[in-house]
Amino acid sequence: MLKPTFTLTAIALATTAAFASTPAEAGASGQHSAAASEHAGAASAHGAAAVGTGVSTAIAVPVIAAGSVLYVTGAALESAGDSVIGAGSDLASSAATPLIIDTHTAPNRAPTLD
């Protein structure tokens, strides 16, 4: 079995060698940055189109459902409004009635203790 110190040293050396050799294999940085910006522009255009399609589909279904609910609710509110208007006109045209005073009403007595 390997010693933990040797294993950590080997991992550190392998990582250093991998990162040190990467810049030596790279091409001109201007060429890479130009290609990267071109790819980024194409990716953002494709991403925006995909998101737009998905968002329009995701929004259209609830909007249609909510519109149907609002249509039905509006019809119910119209019916309720008509009945309220009818009740209000009946109340406005009613004649005054006399006030009835009942003198036979008395409060309950206090309870007695046993």
C-alpha atoms as a PDB file:
ATOM      1  CA  MET A   1       0.000   0.000   0.000  1.00  0.00           C
ATOM      2  CA  LEU A   2       1.233   3.508  -0.814  1.00  0.00           C
ATOM      3  CA  LYS A   3       1.977   6.038   1.844  1.00  0.00           C
ATOM      4  CA  PRO A   4      -0.496   8.960   2.010  1.00  0.00           C
ATOM      5  CA  THR A   5       2.344  11.495   1.661  1.00  0.00           C
ATOM      6  CA  PHE A   6       3.602   9.862  -1.530  1.00  0.00           C
ATOM      7  CA  THR A   7       0.082   9.754  -2.995  1.00  0.00           C
ATOM      8  CA  LEU A   8      -0.554  13.436  -2.283  1.00  0.00           C
ATOM      9  CA  THR A   9       2.825  14.372  -3.753  1.00  0.00           C
ATOM     10  CA  ALA A  10       2.110  12.359  -6.902  1.00  0.00           C
ATOM     11  CA  ILE A  11      -1.308  13.997  -7.324  1.00  0.00           C
ATOM     12  CA  ALA A  12       0.190  17.466  -6.846  1.00  0.00           C
ATOM     13  CA  LEU A  13       2.933  16.808  -9.423  1.00  0.00           C
ATOM     14  CA  ALA A  14       0.457  15.388 -11.972  1.00  0.00           C
ATOM     15  CA  THR A  15      -1.852  18.379 -11.559  1.00  0.00           C
ATOM     16  CA  THR A  16       1.016  20.847 -11.930  1.00  0.00           C
ATOM     17  CA  ALA A  17       2.260  19.086 -15.072  1.00  0.00           C
ATOM     18  CA  ALA A  18      -1.221  19.086 -16.605  1.00  0.00           C
ATOM     19  CA  PHE A  19      -1.763  22.796 -16.007  1.00  0.00           C
ATOM     20  CA  ALA A  20       1.771  23.738 -17.078  1.00  0.00           C
ATOM     21  CA  SER A  21       1.533  21.969 -20.447  1.00  0.00           C
ATOM     22  CA  THR A  22      -1.850  23.443 -21.440  1.00  0.00           C
ATOM     23  CA  PRO A  23      -0.601  26.944 -22.425  1.00  0.00           C
ATOM     24  CA  ALA A  24       2.189  25.436 -24.540  1.00  0.00           C
ATOM     25  CA  GLU A  25      -0.349  23.582 -26.704  1.00  0.00           C
ATOM     26  CA  ALA A  26      -2.700  26.542 -27.159  1.00  0.00           C
ATOM     27  CA  GLY A  27      -2.833  28.592 -30.358  1.00  0.00           C
ATOM     28  CA  ALA A  28      -2.910  32.349 -30.688  1.00  0.00           C
ATOM     29  CA  SER A  29      -5.192  33.925 -28.111  1.00  0.00           C
ATOM     30  CA  GLY A  30      -6.723  36.374 -30.596  1.00  0.00           C
ATOM     31  CA  GLN A  31      -7.897  33.508 -32.783  1.00  0.00           C
ATOM     32  CA  HIS A  32      -9.479  31.729 -29.844  1.00  0.00           C
ATOM     33  CA  SER A  33     -11.229  34.818 -28.511  1.00  0.00           C
ATOM     34  CA  ALA A  34     -12.675  35.615 -31.955  1.00  0.00           C
ATOM     35  CA  ALA A  35     -13.998  32.071 -32.305  1.00  0.00           C
ATOM     36  CA  ALA A  36     -15.330  32.175 -28.755  1.00  0.00           C
ATOM     37  CA  SER A  37     -17.254  35.387 -29.343  1.00  0.00           C
ATOM     38  CA  GLU A  38     -18.706  33.968 -32.569  1.00  0.00           C
ATOM     39  CA  HIS A  39     -19.807  30.824 -30.769  1.00  0.00           C
ATOM     40  CA  ALA A  40     -21.252  32.858 -27.913  1.00  0.00           C
ATOM     41  CA  GLY A  41     -23.286  34.976 -30.333  1.00  0.00           C
ATOM     42  CA  ALA A  42     -24.659  31.909 -32.103  1.00  0.00           C
ATOM     43  CA  ALA A  43     -25.438  30.205 -28.806  1.00  0.00           C
ATOM     44  CA  SER A  44     -27.290  33.213 -27.455  1.00  0.00           C
ATOM     45  CA  ALA A  45     -29.378  33.462 -30.635  1.00  0.00           C
ATOM     46  CA  HIS A  46     -30.295  29.785 -30.486  1.00  0.00           C
ATOM     47  CA  GLY A  47     -30.907  29.977 -26.753  1.00  0.00           C
ATOM     48  CA  ALA A  48     -33.168  33.004 -27.086  1.00  0.00           C
ATOM     49  CA  ALA A  49     -35.202  31.285 -29.801  1.00  0.00           C
ATOM     50  CA  ALA A  50     -35.555  28.130 -27.716  1.00  0.00           C
ATOM     51  CA  VAL A  51     -36.507  30.042 -24.599  1.00  0.00           C
ATOM     52  CA  GLY A  52     -39.009  32.144 -26.539  1.00  0.00           C
ATOM     53  CA  THR A  53     -40.714  29.048 -27.912  1.00  0.00           C
ATOM     54  CA  GLY A  54     -40.821  27.360 -24.521  1.00  0.00           C
ATOM     55  CA  VAL A  55     -42.010  30.460 -22.712  1.00  0.00           C
ATOM     56  CA  SER A  56     -44.766  31.172 -25.222  1.00  0.00           C
ATOM     57  CA  THR A  57     -46.037  27.617 -24.861  1.00  0.00           C
ATOM     58  CA  ALA A  58     -45.784  27.733 -21.078  1.00  0.00           C
ATOM     59  CA  ILE A  59     -47.634  31.049 -20.903  1.00  0.00           C
ATOM     60  CA  ALA A  60     -50.302  30.360 -23.538  1.00  0.00           C
ATOM     61  CA  VAL A  61     -51.936  27.441 -21.735  1.00  0.00           C
ATOM     62  CA  PRO A  62     -52.519  29.224 -18.383  1.00  0.00           C
ATOM     63  CA  VAL A  63     -53.639  32.397 -20.160  1.00  0.00           C
ATOM     64  CA  ILE A  64     -56.265  30.481 -22.143  1.00  0.00           C
ATOM     65  CA  ALA A  65     -57.421  28.662 -18.999  1.00  0.00           C
ATOM     66  CA  ALA A  66     -57.558  31.899 -17.002  1.00  0.00           C
ATOM     67  CA  GLY A  67     -59.480  33.596 -19.808  1.00  0.00           C
ATOM     68  CA  SER A  68     -62.076  30.831 -19.766  1.00  0.00           C
ATOM     69  CA  VAL A  69     -62.441  31.127 -16.000  1.00  0.00           C
ATOM     70  CA  LEU A  70     -62.790  34.910 -16.229  1.00  0.00           C
ATOM     71  CA  TYR A  71     -65.436  34.570 -18.946  1.00  0.00           C
ATOM     72  CA  VAL A  72     -67.521  32.207 -16.798  1.00  0.00           C
ATOM     73  CA  THR A  73     -66.950  34.356 -13.701  1.00  0.00           C
ATOM     74  CA  GLY A  74     -67.969  37.469 -15.627  1.00  0.00           C
ATOM     75  CA  ALA A  75     -71.237  35.848 -16.689  1.00  0.00           C
ATOM     76  CA  ALA A  76     -71.949  34.852 -13.078  1.00  0.00           C
ATOM     77  CA  LEU A  77     -71.159  38.367 -11.847  1.00  0.00           C
ATOM     78  CA  GLU A  78     -73.453  39.863 -14.463  1.00  0.00           C
ATOM     79  CA  SER A  79     -76.290  37.643 -13.274  1.00  0.00           C
ATOM     80  CA  ALA A  80     -75.606  38.520  -9.625  1.00  0.00           C
ATOM     81  CA  GLY A  81     -75.436  42.211 -10.482  1.00  0.00           C
ATOM     82  CA  ASP A  82     -78.812  42.102 -12.198  1.00  0.00           C
ATOM     83  CA  SER A  83     -80.413  40.475  -9.148  1.00  0.00           C
ATOM     84  CA  VAL A  84     -78.807  43.039  -6.807  1.00  0.00           C
ATOM     85  CA  ILE A  85     -80.116  45.894  -8.937  1.00  0.00           C
ATOM     86  CA  GLY A  86     -83.589  44.359  -8.808  1.00  0.00           C
ATOM     87  CA  ALA A  87     -83.430  43.981  -5.021  1.00  0.00           C
ATOM     88  CA  GLY A  88     -82.183  47.540  -4.614  1.00  0.00           C
ATOM     89  CA  SER A  89     -85.036  48.965  -6.648  1.00  0.00           C
ATOM     90  CA  ASP A  90     -87.532  46.946  -4.563  1.00  0.00           C
ATOM     91  CA  LEU A  91     -86.046  48.367  -1.356  1.00  0.00           C
ATOM     92  CA  ALA A  92     -86.067  51.903  -2.701  1.00  0.00           C
ATOM     93  CA  SER A  93     -89.765  51.756  -3.594  1.00  0.00           C
ATOM     94  CA  SER A  94     -91.013  50.190  -0.350  1.00  0.00           C
ATOM     95  CA  ALA A  95     -93.220  52.284   1.912  1.00  0.00           C
ATOM     96  CA  ALA A  96     -92.367  53.113   5.506  1.00  0.00           C
ATOM     97  CA  THR A  97     -93.677  50.600   8.043  1.00  0.00           C
ATOM     98  CA  PRO A  98     -94.608  51.445  11.626  1.00  0.00           C
ATOM     99  CA  LEU A  99     -92.154  50.659  14.418  1.00  0.00           C
ATOM    100  CA  ILE A 100     -93.462  47.907  16.708  1.00  0.00           C
ATOM    101  CA  ILE A 101     -92.503  48.266  20.358  1.00  0.00           C
ATOM    102  CA  ASP A 102     -92.900  45.100  22.438  1.00  0.00           C
ATOM    103  CA  THR A 103     -93.020  45.840  26.175  1.00  0.00           C
ATOM    104  CA  HIS A 104     -93.470  42.220  27.220  1.00  0.00           C
ATOM    105  CA  THR A 105     -89.854  41.309  26.607  1.00  0.00           C
ATOM    106  CA  ALA A 106     -87.761  40.963  29.771  1.00  0.00           C
ATOM    107  CA  PRO A 107     -84.202  39.813  30.291  1.00  0.00           C
ATOM    108  CA  ASN A 108     -83.456  36.437  31.843  1.00  0.00           C
ATOM    109  CA  ARG A 109     -82.892  36.407  35.579  1.00  0.00           C
ATOM    110  CA  ALA A 110     -79.482  35.724  37.045  1.00  0.00           C
ATOM    111  CA  PRO A 111     -78.880  32.048  37.800  1.00  0.00           C
ATOM    112  CA  THR A 112     -79.126  30.916  41.433  1.00  0.00           C
ATOM    113  CA  LEU A 113     -76.310  29.105  43.179  1.00  0.00           C
ATOM    114  CA  ASP A 114     -76.956  25.677  44.721  1.00  0.00           C
END
